[in-house]
Protein backbone atom coordinates (compact mmCIF):
# COMPACT_ATOMS: atom_id res chain seq x y z
CA MET A 1 72.73 177.91 153.49
CA LYS A 2 72.08 173.84 152.56
CA ILE A 3 73.72 172.46 149.24
CA ASP A 4 71.57 169.57 147.85
CA LEU A 5 74.80 168.16 145.83
CA LYS A 6 72.51 165.86 143.97
CA GLU A 7 71.50 169.29 142.58
CA PHE A 8 75.23 169.80 140.85
CA ALA A 9 75.90 166.46 140.18
CA ALA A 10 77.01 165.53 136.15
CA ILE A 11 76.79 162.31 135.08
CA LYS A 12 78.99 161.31 131.97
CA ALA A 13 76.74 159.38 128.72
CA ASP A 14 77.62 155.94 130.28
CA GLY A 15 75.93 156.83 133.29
CA THR A 16 78.87 157.32 135.71
CA TYR A 17 79.37 160.62 137.85
CA ASP A 18 81.57 163.29 136.17
CA LEU A 19 83.55 164.17 138.93
CA GLU A 20 84.85 167.12 136.99
CA GLY A 21 81.71 168.36 135.53
CA THR A 22 79.98 168.44 139.20
CA VAL A 23 82.73 170.43 140.88
CA ALA A 24 82.65 172.69 137.81
CA LYS A 25 78.94 173.30 138.41
CA PHE A 26 79.20 174.04 142.18
CA ALA A 27 82.03 176.44 141.59
CA ALA A 28 79.56 178.57 139.32
CA GLU A 29 77.05 178.22 141.64
CA CYS A 30 79.49 179.23 144.23
CA GLU A 31 80.55 182.09 142.69
CA GLU A 32 77.38 183.59 141.86
CA TRP A 33 76.37 182.88 145.05
CA ILE A 34 79.81 185.20 146.72
CA ARG A 35 78.85 187.91 143.98
CA PHE A 36 75.61 188.22 145.19
CA GLU A 37 77.02 188.36 148.90
CA THR A 38 78.89 190.88 147.92
CA GLU A 39 77.25 193.04 145.92
CA SER A 40 73.97 193.37 147.84
CA ASN A 41 75.14 194.27 151.02
CA GLY A 42 76.03 197.72 149.32
CA GLU A 43 72.24 197.50 147.32
CA VAL A 44 70.56 196.84 150.46
CA HIS A 45 72.35 199.63 152.57
CA VAL A 46 71.50 202.42 149.74
CA ALA A 47 68.07 200.72 149.72
CA LEU A 48 67.06 201.01 153.29
CA THR A 49 68.80 203.96 153.60
CA ALA A 50 66.36 205.58 150.77
CA ALA A 51 63.25 203.74 152.62
CA LEU A 52 64.01 204.85 155.96
CA ASN A 53 64.77 208.36 154.55
CA LYS A 54 60.96 209.25 153.05
CA TYR A 55 59.41 209.60 156.38
CA PRO A 56 62.42 210.52 158.94
CA GLY A 57 60.96 210.85 162.50
CA ALA A 58 57.84 208.92 161.94
CA ASN A 59 57.28 205.57 163.41
CA MET A 60 56.79 202.69 160.19
CA GLN A 61 55.91 198.59 160.45
CA ARG A 62 59.15 196.96 159.89
CA PRO A 63 57.03 194.98 157.07
CA TYR A 64 56.46 198.44 155.44
CA VAL A 65 60.43 199.27 155.76
CA ILE A 66 61.60 196.15 154.52
CA GLY A 67 58.75 196.62 151.45
CA GLU A 68 60.20 199.59 150.83
CA THR A 69 63.26 198.62 150.85
CA LEU A 70 62.94 196.04 148.44
CA ARG A 71 60.80 198.21 146.31
CA GLU A 72 63.92 200.17 145.84
CA LEU A 73 65.71 197.43 145.18
CA GLY A 74 63.94 196.88 141.50
CA SER A 75 64.72 194.42 139.39
CA LYS A 76 67.13 193.34 141.56
CA VAL A 77 64.90 191.24 143.46
CA THR A 78 63.18 188.47 141.87
CA PRO A 79 61.30 185.41 143.22
CA LYS A 80 64.66 183.67 143.52
CA THR A 81 66.66 186.71 145.46
CA PHE A 82 63.74 187.78 147.46
CA GLY A 83 64.07 185.59 150.58
CA ALA A 84 67.86 186.85 151.05
CA TYR A 85 67.43 190.22 149.93
CA SER A 86 64.26 190.74 153.03
CA GLU A 87 66.39 189.05 155.34
CA LYS A 88 69.75 191.02 154.36
CA ALA A 89 67.57 194.18 155.04
CA ASN A 90 66.37 192.73 158.16
CA ALA A 91 69.90 192.01 159.52
CA MET A 92 70.77 195.73 158.46
CA LEU A 93 67.66 197.32 160.03
CA ASP A 94 68.64 195.29 163.18
CA ALA A 95 72.78 196.90 163.35
CA TYR A 96 71.27 200.10 162.35
CA LYS A 97 68.93 199.92 165.64
CA GLU A 98 72.20 198.75 167.69
CA ARG A 99 73.96 202.13 166.00
CA GLY A 100 71.21 204.55 167.27
CA ILE A 101 70.45 204.91 163.57
CA VAL A 102 66.79 203.35 164.43
CA GLU A 103 64.94 202.96 166.87
CA ILE A 104 62.70 199.99 167.03
CA ALA A 105 59.52 199.24 169.52
CA LYS A 106 56.94 197.25 169.42
CA GLY A 107 53.73 197.13 170.42
CA LYS A 108 50.94 200.59 170.24
CA GLY A 109 52.56 203.36 168.94
CA GLY A 110 56.06 201.28 168.04
CA GLY A 111 57.50 200.41 164.66
CA VAL A 112 60.63 201.69 163.21
CA LYS A 113 61.64 205.05 163.85
CA LEU A 114 64.57 206.65 161.77
CA VAL A 115 66.31 209.10 164.68
CA SER A 116 69.76 210.08 163.02
CA ALA A 117 69.49 212.13 160.02
CA LYS A 118 70.69 209.61 157.67
CA PRO A 119 72.43 206.76 158.66
CA ALA A 120 76.19 206.94 157.26
CA GLU A 121 77.13 205.99 154.42
């Protein structure tokens, strides 16, 4: 996460920087980020599970699985959150591979394949 402090700078009427106002703006953004990080993990897990369970045993291209996951999330995915949700879904898919829930293969006949009945809740 890269932070541009200019984004948060509050300026007083006399043109000087308002430290308290700047800190308040930054704190509000941090609170929103923490809320998103906390809530989105569970949401992505539920959506990814639903996407994978649509075609159990089938090989699906990774972009398709991510797209279906985002579709399951519905209105939670906005232009502002698209990238973060996509990254979370990709990372969770990799974690599922490590746990043996899915197989991921490249090349002809490859893709993402659900191998366990359902990802653990």
